[in-house]
C-alpha atoms as a PDB file:
ATOM      1  CA  UNK A   1    -115.397 104.711 102.980  1.00  0.00           C
ATOM      2  CA  UNK A   2    -113.873 105.910  99.716  1.00  0.00           C
ATOM      3  CA  UNK A   3    -115.344 108.140  96.996  1.00  0.00           C
ATOM      4  CA  UNK A   4    -117.625 106.253  94.630  1.00  0.00           C
ATOM      5  CA  UNK A   5    -117.836 106.847  90.908  1.00  0.00           C
ATOM      6  CA  UNK A   6    -121.557 106.146  91.202  1.00  0.00           C
ATOM      7  CA  UNK A   7    -121.943 109.724  92.472  1.00  0.00           C
ATOM      8  CA  UNK A   8    -120.730 112.991  90.989  1.00  0.00           C
ATOM      9  CA  UNK A   9    -120.414 114.534  94.437  1.00  0.00           C
ATOM     10  CA  UNK A  10    -118.710 112.795  97.332  1.00  0.00           C
ATOM     11  CA  UNK A  11    -119.605 113.652 100.931  1.00  0.00           C
ATOM     12  CA  UNK A  12    -116.327 115.485 101.332  1.00  0.00           C
ATOM     13  CA  UNK A  13    -116.962 117.541  98.210  1.00  0.00           C
ATOM     14  CA  UNK A  14    -120.370 118.489  99.532  1.00  0.00           C
ATOM     15  CA  UNK A  15    -118.962 119.345 102.958  1.00  0.00           C
ATOM     16  CA  UNK A  16    -116.405 121.684 101.367  1.00  0.00           C
ATOM     17  CA  UNK A  17    -119.117 123.406  99.361  1.00  0.00           C
ATOM     18  CA  UNK A  18    -121.492 123.693 102.333  1.00  0.00           C
ATOM     19  CA  UNK A  19    -119.020 124.776 105.039  1.00  0.00           C
ATOM     20  CA  UNK A  20    -118.849 128.536 104.330  1.00  0.00           C
ATOM     21  CA  UNK A  21    -122.539 128.944 103.481  1.00  0.00           C
ATOM     22  CA  UNK A  22    -125.212 130.532 105.617  1.00  0.00           C
ATOM     23  CA  UNK A  23    -127.982 128.706 103.757  1.00  0.00           C
ATOM     24  CA  UNK A  24    -128.231 125.305 102.112  1.00  0.00           C
ATOM     25  CA  UNK A  25    -130.525 125.468  99.093  1.00  0.00           C
ATOM     26  CA  UNK A  26    -130.744 122.851  96.356  1.00  0.00           C
ATOM     27  CA  UNK A  27    -130.778 125.468  93.589  1.00  0.00           C
ATOM     28  CA  UNK A  28    -127.434 126.870  94.791  1.00  0.00           C
ATOM     29  CA  UNK A  29    -125.939 123.391  94.888  1.00  0.00           C
ATOM     30  CA  UNK A  30    -127.323 122.637  91.439  1.00  0.00           C
ATOM     31  CA  UNK A  31    -125.680 125.712  89.935  1.00  0.00           C
ATOM     32  CA  UNK A  32    -122.386 124.907  91.647  1.00  0.00           C
ATOM     33  CA  UNK A  33    -122.480 121.383  90.236  1.00  0.00           C
ATOM     34  CA  UNK A  34    -123.213 122.696  86.752  1.00  0.00           C
ATOM     35  CA  UNK A  35    -120.206 125.011  86.963  1.00  0.00           C
ATOM     36  CA  UNK A  36    -118.026 122.327  88.501  1.00  0.00           C
ATOM     37  CA  UNK A  37    -118.641 119.851  85.677  1.00  0.00           C
ATOM     38  CA  UNK A  38    -119.380 122.301  82.883  1.00  0.00           C
ATOM     39  CA  UNK A  39    -122.800 120.953  81.964  1.00  0.00           C
ATOM     40  CA  UNK A  40    -124.956 123.133  79.725  1.00  0.00           C
ATOM     41  CA  UNK A  41    -122.817 126.233  80.135  1.00  0.00           C
ATOM     42  CA  UNK A  42    -121.814 129.140  77.946  1.00  0.00           C
ATOM     43  CA  UNK A  43    -118.579 130.137  79.617  1.00  0.00           C
ATOM     44  CA  UNK A  44    -119.492 130.388  83.306  1.00  0.00           C
ATOM     45  CA  UNK A  45    -123.166 131.146  82.722  1.00  0.00           C
ATOM     46  CA  UNK A  46    -126.054 128.845  81.812  1.00  0.00           C
ATOM     47  CA  UNK A  47    -126.534 128.129  78.144  1.00  0.00           C
ATOM     48  CA  UNK A  48    -129.562 130.055  76.957  1.00  0.00           C
ATOM     49  CA  UNK A  49    -129.312 132.513  79.838  1.00  0.00           C
ATOM     50  CA  UNK A  50    -131.427 130.599  82.392  1.00  0.00           C
ATOM     51  CA  UNK A  51    -130.411 128.081  85.038  1.00  0.00           C
ATOM     52  CA  UNK A  52    -133.622 126.113  84.920  1.00  0.00           C
ATOM     53  CA  UNK A  53    -136.829 125.986  82.941  1.00  0.00           C
ATOM     54  CA  UNK A  54    -139.118 124.695  85.671  1.00  0.00           C
ATOM     55  CA  UNK A  55    -141.918 127.043  84.669  1.00  0.00           C
ATOM     56  CA  UNK A  56    -142.043 125.397  81.234  1.00  0.00           C
ATOM     57  CA  UNK A  57    -141.674 121.882  82.641  1.00  0.00           C
ATOM     58  CA  UNK A  58    -145.092 121.564  84.235  1.00  0.00           C
ATOM     59  CA  UNK A  59    -147.302 121.022  81.234  1.00  0.00           C
ATOM     60  CA  UNK A  60    -150.253 118.628  81.566  1.00  0.00           C
ATOM     61  CA  UNK A  61    -150.273 115.429  79.541  1.00  0.00           C
ATOM     62  CA  UNK A  62    -150.852 116.112  75.852  1.00  0.00           C
ATOM     63  CA  UNK A  63    -154.394 115.427  74.690  1.00  0.00           C
ATOM     64  CA  UNK A  64    -153.524 114.442  71.134  1.00  0.00           C
ATOM     65  CA  UNK A  65    -153.603 110.693  71.808  1.00  0.00           C
ATOM     66  CA  UNK A  66    -149.912 110.270  71.110  1.00  0.00           C
ATOM     67  CA  UNK A  67    -148.237 106.924  71.709  1.00  0.00           C
ATOM     68  CA  UNK A  68    -145.459 107.068  74.294  1.00  0.00           C
ATOM     69  CA  UNK A  69    -142.367 105.069  73.482  1.00  0.00           C
ATOM     70  CA  UNK A  70    -142.194 101.615  75.012  1.00  0.00           C
ATOM     71  CA  UNK A  71    -138.881 100.793  76.694  1.00  0.00           C
ATOM     72  CA  UNK A  72    -136.614  98.126  75.250  1.00  0.00           C
ATOM     73  CA  UNK A  73    -136.972  94.674  76.753  1.00  0.00           C
ATOM     74  CA  UNK A  74    -134.628  91.716  76.865  1.00  0.00           C
ATOM     75  CA  UNK A  75    -135.141  87.986  77.077  1.00  0.00           C
ATOM     76  CA  UNK A  76    -134.479  86.564  80.516  1.00  0.00           C
ATOM     77  CA  UNK A  77    -131.274  84.550  80.379  1.00  0.00           C
ATOM     78  CA  UNK A  78    -129.953  81.705  82.530  1.00  0.00           C
ATOM     79  CA  UNK A  79    -128.607  84.090  85.166  1.00  0.00           C
ATOM     80  CA  UNK A  80    -131.952  85.903  85.397  1.00  0.00           C
ATOM     81  CA  UNK A  81    -133.738  82.577  85.755  1.00  0.00           C
ATOM     82  CA  UNK A  82    -131.372  81.279  88.403  1.00  0.00           C
ATOM     83  CA  UNK A  83    -131.951  84.382  90.499  1.00  0.00           C
ATOM     84  CA  UNK A  84    -135.720  84.079  90.117  1.00  0.00           C
ATOM     85  CA  UNK A  85    -135.569  80.403  91.074  1.00  0.00           C
ATOM     86  CA  UNK A  86    -133.723  81.308  94.265  1.00  0.00           C
ATOM     87  CA  UNK A  87    -136.453  83.663  95.479  1.00  0.00           C
ATOM     88  CA  UNK A  88    -138.963  82.434  98.068  1.00  0.00           C
ATOM     89  CA  UNK A  89    -142.472  81.662  96.908  1.00  0.00           C
ATOM     90  CA  UNK A  90    -143.708  84.564  99.022  1.00  0.00           C
ATOM     91  CA  UNK A  91    -141.660  87.132  97.052  1.00  0.00           C
ATOM     92  CA  UNK A  92    -143.682  90.258  96.278  1.00  0.00           C
ATOM     93  CA  UNK A  93    -144.536  91.324  92.752  1.00  0.00           C
ATOM     94  CA  UNK A  94    -145.272  90.023  89.293  1.00  0.00           C
ATOM     95  CA  UNK A  95    -142.991  87.831  87.210  1.00  0.00           C
ATOM     96  CA  UNK A  96    -140.223  89.933  85.557  1.00  0.00           C
ATOM     97  CA  UNK A  97    -140.766  90.539  81.850  1.00  0.00           C
ATOM     98  CA  UNK A  98    -137.370  91.879  80.760  1.00  0.00           C
ATOM     99  CA  UNK A  99    -138.210  95.541  81.397  1.00  0.00           C
ATOM    100  CA  UNK A 100    -135.210  96.087  83.662  1.00  0.00           C
ATOM    101  CA  UNK A 101    -131.614  95.820  82.511  1.00  0.00           C
ATOM    102  CA  UNK A 102    -129.550  93.151  84.249  1.00  0.00           C
ATOM    103  CA  UNK A 103    -126.319  93.610  82.293  1.00  0.00           C
ATOM    104  CA  UNK A 104    -124.088  96.464  81.190  1.00  0.00           C
ATOM    105  CA  UNK A 105    -124.966  96.037  77.513  1.00  0.00           C
ATOM    106  CA  UNK A 106    -128.690  96.127  78.256  1.00  0.00           C
ATOM    107  CA  UNK A 107    -128.263  99.251  80.385  1.00  0.00           C
ATOM    108  CA  UNK A 108    -126.331 101.137  77.706  1.00  0.00           C
ATOM    109  CA  UNK A 109    -128.952 100.163  75.107  1.00  0.00           C
ATOM    110  CA  UNK A 110    -131.642 101.618  77.339  1.00  0.00           C
ATOM    111  CA  UNK A 111    -129.636 104.796  77.816  1.00  0.00           C
ATOM    112  CA  UNK A 112    -129.290 105.228  74.068  1.00  0.00           C
ATOM    113  CA  UNK A 113    -133.012 104.581  73.580  1.00  0.00           C
ATOM    114  CA  UNK A 114    -133.876 107.181  76.197  1.00  0.00           C
ATOM    115  CA  UNK A 115    -131.600 109.835  74.708  1.00  0.00           C
ATOM    116  CA  UNK A 116    -132.568 109.196  71.092  1.00  0.00           C
ATOM    117  CA  UNK A 117    -136.298 108.564  71.459  1.00  0.00           C
ATOM    118  CA  UNK A 118    -137.660 109.598  74.840  1.00  0.00           C
ATOM    119  CA  UNK A 119    -135.666 112.554  76.191  1.00  0.00           C
ATOM    120  CA  UNK A 120    -137.060 115.280  73.877  1.00  0.00           C
ATOM    121  CA  UNK A 121    -140.482 114.977  75.548  1.00  0.00           C
ATOM    122  CA  UNK A 122    -139.229 114.629  79.108  1.00  0.00           C
ATOM    123  CA  UNK A 123    -138.907 118.242  80.231  1.00  0.00           C
ATOM    124  CA  UNK A 124    -142.379 119.615  79.447  1.00  0.00           C
ATOM    125  CA  UNK A 125    -144.201 116.578  80.833  1.00  0.00           C
ATOM    126  CA  UNK A 126    -141.932 115.443  83.657  1.00  0.00           C
ATOM    127  CA  UNK A 127    -144.620 116.188  86.271  1.00  0.00           C
ATOM    128  CA  UNK A 128    -147.533 114.690  84.335  1.00  0.00           C
ATOM    129  CA  UNK A 129    -149.460 111.528  85.211  1.00  0.00           C
ATOM    130  CA  UNK A 130    -151.657 109.293  83.076  1.00  0.00           C
ATOM    131  CA  UNK A 131    -153.612 106.281  84.288  1.00  0.00           C
ATOM    132  CA  UNK A 132    -152.735 104.174  81.266  1.00  0.00           C
ATOM    133  CA  UNK A 133    -149.077 105.177  80.770  1.00  0.00           C
ATOM    134  CA  UNK A 134    -146.552 104.078  83.350  1.00  0.00           C
ATOM    135  CA  UNK A 135    -143.392 105.759  82.061  1.00  0.00           C
ATOM    136  CA  UNK A 136    -144.390 108.642  79.768  1.00  0.00           C
ATOM    137  CA  UNK A 137    -141.021 110.295  78.991  1.00  0.00           C
ATOM    138  CA  UNK A 138    -139.090 109.293  82.101  1.00  0.00           C
ATOM    139  CA  UNK A 139    -135.772 107.531  81.662  1.00  0.00           C
ATOM    140  CA  UNK A 140    -136.446 104.643  84.082  1.00  0.00           C
ATOM    141  CA  UNK A 141    -132.659 104.353  84.378  1.00  0.00           C
ATOM    142  CA  UNK A 142    -132.445 104.804  88.142  1.00  0.00           C
ATOM    143  CA  UNK A 143    -132.146 101.082  88.829  1.00  0.00           C
ATOM    144  CA  UNK A 144    -129.140 100.814  86.498  1.00  0.00           C
ATOM    145  CA  UNK A 145    -127.517 103.849  88.111  1.00  0.00           C
ATOM    146  CA  UNK A 146    -128.098 102.505  91.617  1.00  0.00           C
ATOM    147  CA  UNK A 147    -126.298  99.217  90.980  1.00  0.00           C
ATOM    148  CA  UNK A 148    -123.533 100.659  88.788  1.00  0.00           C
ATOM    149  CA  UNK A 149    -124.577  99.356  85.379  1.00  0.00           C
ATOM    150  CA  UNK A 150    -124.553 103.016  84.340  1.00  0.00           C
ATOM    151  CA  UNK A 151    -122.500 105.862  85.789  1.00  0.00           C
ATOM    152  CA  UNK A 152    -123.924 109.344  86.347  1.00  0.00           C
ATOM    153  CA  UNK A 153    -121.404 111.223  84.244  1.00  0.00           C
ATOM    154  CA  UNK A 154    -122.005 109.047  81.183  1.00  0.00           C
ATOM    155  CA  UNK A 155    -125.752 109.604  81.453  1.00  0.00           C
ATOM    156  CA  UNK A 156    -125.297 113.379  81.700  1.00  0.00           C
ATOM    157  CA  UNK A 157    -122.740 113.313  78.885  1.00  0.00           C
ATOM    158  CA  UNK A 158    -125.085 111.340  76.629  1.00  0.00           C
ATOM    159  CA  UNK A 159    -127.959 113.727  77.306  1.00  0.00           C
ATOM    160  CA  UNK A 160    -125.796 116.781  76.684  1.00  0.00           C
ATOM    161  CA  UNK A 161    -124.295 115.341  73.518  1.00  0.00           C
ATOM    162  CA  UNK A 162    -127.809 114.825  72.165  1.00  0.00           C
ATOM    163  CA  UNK A 163    -128.617 118.509  72.632  1.00  0.00           C
ATOM    164  CA  UNK A 164    -128.109 120.612  69.555  1.00  0.00           C
ATOM    165  CA  UNK A 165    -129.056 123.906  67.940  1.00  0.00           C
ATOM    166  CA  UNK A 166    -131.987 122.531  65.977  1.00  0.00           C
ATOM    167  CA  UNK A 167    -134.599 123.118  68.682  1.00  0.00           C
ATOM    168  CA  UNK A 168    -132.662 125.301  71.111  1.00  0.00           C
ATOM    169  CA  UNK A 169    -131.087 128.733  70.988  1.00  0.00           C
ATOM    170  CA  UNK A 170    -127.844 127.485  72.482  1.00  0.00           C
ATOM    171  CA  UNK A 171    -125.098 125.007  71.838  1.00  0.00           C
ATOM    172  CA  UNK A 172    -123.984 123.232  75.006  1.00  0.00           C
ATOM    173  CA  UNK A 173    -120.375 123.519  76.055  1.00  0.00           C
ATOM    174  CA  UNK A 174    -118.326 121.696  78.598  1.00  0.00           C
ATOM    175  CA  UNK A 175    -116.164 123.983  80.732  1.00  0.00           C
ATOM    176  CA  UNK A 176    -114.475 126.655  78.653  1.00  0.00           C
ATOM    177  CA  UNK A 177    -114.210 124.705  75.406  1.00  0.00           C
ATOM    178  CA  UNK A 178    -117.123 124.135  73.076  1.00  0.00           C
ATOM    179  CA  UNK A 179    -118.085 120.560  72.361  1.00  0.00           C
ATOM    180  CA  UNK A 180    -119.083 119.359  68.952  1.00  0.00           C
ATOM    181  CA  UNK A 181    -122.673 118.360  68.334  1.00  0.00           C
ATOM    182  CA  UNK A 182    -124.325 116.337  65.624  1.00  0.00           C
ATOM    183  CA  UNK A 183    -127.459 118.429  65.813  1.00  0.00           C
ATOM    184  CA  UNK A 184    -129.859 116.431  67.931  1.00  0.00           C
ATOM    185  CA  UNK A 185    -133.400 117.306  68.849  1.00  0.00           C
ATOM    186  CA  UNK A 186    -133.326 117.552  72.623  1.00  0.00           C
ATOM    187  CA  UNK A 187    -134.465 120.776  74.261  1.00  0.00           C
ATOM    188  CA  UNK A 188    -132.478 122.463  76.993  1.00  0.00           C
ATOM    189  CA  UNK A 189    -135.357 122.041  79.410  1.00  0.00           C
ATOM    190  CA  UNK A 190    -135.386 118.289  78.968  1.00  0.00           C
ATOM    191  CA  UNK A 191    -131.630 117.889  79.175  1.00  0.00           C
ATOM    192  CA  UNK A 192    -131.257 120.243  82.121  1.00  0.00           C
ATOM    193  CA  UNK A 193    -133.991 118.540  84.096  1.00  0.00           C
ATOM    194  CA  UNK A 194    -132.499 115.135  83.494  1.00  0.00           C
ATOM    195  CA  UNK A 195    -128.987 116.190  84.446  1.00  0.00           C
ATOM    196  CA  UNK A 196    -130.141 118.073  87.531  1.00  0.00           C
ATOM    197  CA  UNK A 197    -131.440 115.005  89.345  1.00  0.00           C
ATOM    198  CA  UNK A 198    -128.172 113.182  88.687  1.00  0.00           C
ATOM    199  CA  UNK A 199    -125.723 116.005  89.300  1.00  0.00           C
ATOM    200  CA  UNK A 200    -127.234 116.863  92.675  1.00  0.00           C
ATOM    201  CA  UNK A 201    -127.335 113.331  94.100  1.00  0.00           C
ATOM    202  CA  UNK A 202    -125.088 112.577  97.052  1.00  0.00           C
ATOM    203  CA  UNK A 203    -124.755 109.743  99.505  1.00  0.00           C
ATOM    204  CA  UNK A 204    -126.973 110.374 102.519  1.00  0.00           C
ATOM    205  CA  UNK A 205    -127.003 109.452 106.177  1.00  0.00           C
ATOM    206  CA  UNK A 206    -130.289 108.046 107.405  1.00  0.00           C
ATOM    207  CA  UNK A 207    -131.990 109.347 110.546  1.00  0.00           C
ATOM    208  CA  UNK A 208    -134.843 107.972 112.615  1.00  0.00           C
ATOM    209  CA  UNK A 209    -135.528 111.274 114.369  1.00  0.00           C
ATOM    210  CA  UNK A 210    -138.984 112.365 113.211  1.00  0.00           C
ATOM    211  CA  UNK A 211    -140.867 113.838 116.190  1.00  0.00           C
ATOM    212  CA  UNK A 212    -144.600 113.305 116.284  1.00  0.00           C
ATOM    213  CA  UNK A 213    -144.850 110.690 113.508  1.00  0.00           C
ATOM    214  CA  UNK A 214    -144.848 107.168 114.854  1.00  0.00           C
ATOM    215  CA  UNK A 215    -147.640 105.096 113.293  1.00  0.00           C
ATOM    216  CA  UNK A 216    -146.571 101.823 111.745  1.00  0.00           C
ATOM    217  CA  UNK A 217    -146.918 101.506 107.971  1.00  0.00           C
ATOM    218  CA  UNK A 218    -149.471  98.737 108.349  1.00  0.00           C
ATOM    219  CA  UNK A 219    -151.745 101.154 110.233  1.00  0.00           C
ATOM    220  CA  UNK A 220    -152.230 103.184 107.069  1.00  0.00           C
ATOM    221  CA  UNK A 221    -154.106 100.557 105.092  1.00  0.00           C
ATOM    222  CA  UNK A 222    -155.327 103.232 102.676  1.00  0.00           C
ATOM    223  CA  UNK A 223    -151.747 103.520 101.430  1.00  0.00           C
ATOM    224  CA  UNK A 224    -151.828 100.007 100.051  1.00  0.00           C
ATOM    225  CA  UNK A 225    -155.303 100.483  98.608  1.00  0.00           C
ATOM    226  CA  UNK A 226    -154.277 103.608  96.707  1.00  0.00           C
ATOM    227  CA  UNK A 227    -150.815 102.513  95.629  1.00  0.00           C
ATOM    228  CA  UNK A 228    -150.764 102.288  91.855  1.00  0.00           C
ATOM    229  CA  UNK A 229    -150.673  98.865  90.298  1.00  0.00           C
ATOM    230  CA  UNK A 230    -147.287  99.621  88.737  1.00  0.00           C
ATOM    231  CA  UNK A 231    -145.566  98.829  92.027  1.00  0.00           C
ATOM    232  CA  UNK A 232    -146.750  95.237  91.873  1.00  0.00           C
ATOM    233  CA  UNK A 233    -146.421  94.760  88.115  1.00  0.00           C
ATOM    234  CA  UNK A 234    -143.026  96.387  87.574  1.00  0.00           C
ATOM    235  CA  UNK A 235    -141.776  97.610  90.996  1.00  0.00           C
ATOM    236  CA  UNK A 236    -141.614 101.188  89.713  1.00  0.00           C
ATOM    237  CA  UNK A 237    -143.684 104.362  89.426  1.00  0.00           C
ATOM    238  CA  UNK A 238    -142.303 107.772  88.529  1.00  0.00           C
ATOM    239  CA  UNK A 239    -141.421 110.541  90.945  1.00  0.00           C
ATOM    240  CA  UNK A 240    -144.713 112.423  90.955  1.00  0.00           C
ATOM    241  CA  UNK A 241    -146.624 109.300  91.928  1.00  0.00           C
ATOM    242  CA  UNK A 242    -144.073 108.614  94.651  1.00  0.00           C
ATOM    243  CA  UNK A 243    -144.006 112.149  95.994  1.00  0.00           C
ATOM    244  CA  UNK A 244    -147.454 113.566  95.376  1.00  0.00           C
ATOM    245  CA  UNK A 245    -149.552 110.418  95.737  1.00  0.00           C
ATOM    246  CA  UNK A 246    -147.735 107.978  98.015  1.00  0.00           C
ATOM    247  CA  UNK A 247    -145.732 110.599  99.893  1.00  0.00           C
ATOM    248  CA  UNK A 248    -148.684 112.864 100.614  1.00  0.00           C
ATOM    249  CA  UNK A 249    -150.880 109.924 101.562  1.00  0.00           C
ATOM    250  CA  UNK A 250    -148.268 108.698 104.022  1.00  0.00           C
ATOM    251  CA  UNK A 251    -147.917 112.215 105.423  1.00  0.00           C
ATOM    252  CA  UNK A 252    -151.660 112.610 105.920  1.00  0.00           C
ATOM    253  CA  UNK A 253    -151.879 109.159 107.504  1.00  0.00           C
ATOM    254  CA  UNK A 254    -149.044 109.940 109.905  1.00  0.00           C
ATOM    255  CA  UNK A 255    -146.782 107.125 108.708  1.00  0.00           C
ATOM    256  CA  UNK A 256    -143.259 107.194 110.090  1.00  0.00           C
ATOM    257  CA  UNK A 257    -140.814 108.302 107.356  1.00  0.00           C
ATOM    258  CA  UNK A 258    -138.482 105.459 108.361  1.00  0.00           C
ATOM    259  CA  UNK A 259    -141.306 102.957 107.862  1.00  0.00           C
ATOM    260  CA  UNK A 260    -142.042 104.501 104.472  1.00  0.00           C
ATOM    261  CA  UNK A 261    -138.388 104.292 103.442  1.00  0.00           C
ATOM    262  CA  UNK A 262    -138.215 100.619 104.451  1.00  0.00           C
ATOM    263  CA  UNK A 263    -141.350  99.865 102.443  1.00  0.00           C
ATOM    264  CA  UNK A 264    -139.965 101.665  99.392  1.00  0.00           C
ATOM    265  CA  UNK A 265    -136.679  99.763  99.666  1.00  0.00           C
ATOM    266  CA  UNK A 266    -138.607  96.501  99.617  1.00  0.00           C
ATOM    267  CA  UNK A 267    -141.036  97.504  96.878  1.00  0.00           C
ATOM    268  CA  UNK A 268    -139.140  99.457  94.209  1.00  0.00           C
ATOM    269  CA  UNK A 269    -136.615  98.196  91.675  1.00  0.00           C
ATOM    270  CA  UNK A 270    -134.544 101.311  92.395  1.00  0.00           C
ATOM    271  CA  UNK A 271    -135.126 101.417  96.142  1.00  0.00           C
ATOM    272  CA  UNK A 272    -131.926 102.747  97.721  1.00  0.00           C
ATOM    273  CA  UNK A 273    -130.863 105.133 100.440  1.00  0.00           C
END
């Protein structure tokens, strides 16, 4: 195996960072990654004086009836159709409607839409759920990152470049040299939260060793009954629905984590190890 540009941290990089440490904590790794790549820094310290703004990023959904931005869509082309025609009749899910990018140009257009239109609202409401809004302010770019239509550094760069002094008390820098900014309207909390999930991703090694949890996924029929309709209609729900709804339900039902992973691989557009 060779290092992949689809990850900002290779296994060997992570091993070097982890080797001398007595504890392995995500927050420590996150800060090391920020310093390593220079994201949202003022010298060697976090821009604005704080490493994360989690306390401010747990607001409930706004009650002002706002309209959340719809993602761009594309017309299915001949390649899309040929792939669909090759699928068995028993394939799970609704007919694709152009929500997901299938080319590099479509992926970059979605990235630009997210940064320009959606990202400013992401941070405060990243943990919110609404029954009639499937995306809220999430990027929904994970599928493009997983298959290489987008690379992690260009997503982080685009988010950081959109951050400016208009709504923040800091100007982001990269390493020791300040980067220019056109202003922008993206808060540090939104940009930092978006970059964190990308900058701390590494390739993993799967394990089947989960003592005491052995029920087959099919035994937990309540999981299917409670799974949100977005899985069938667009093969995607955001992280809170995955973790807090599906994950907790599977935990309470005693579903094997390996069974849950296999089901997620089959069911989600961005299902990957």
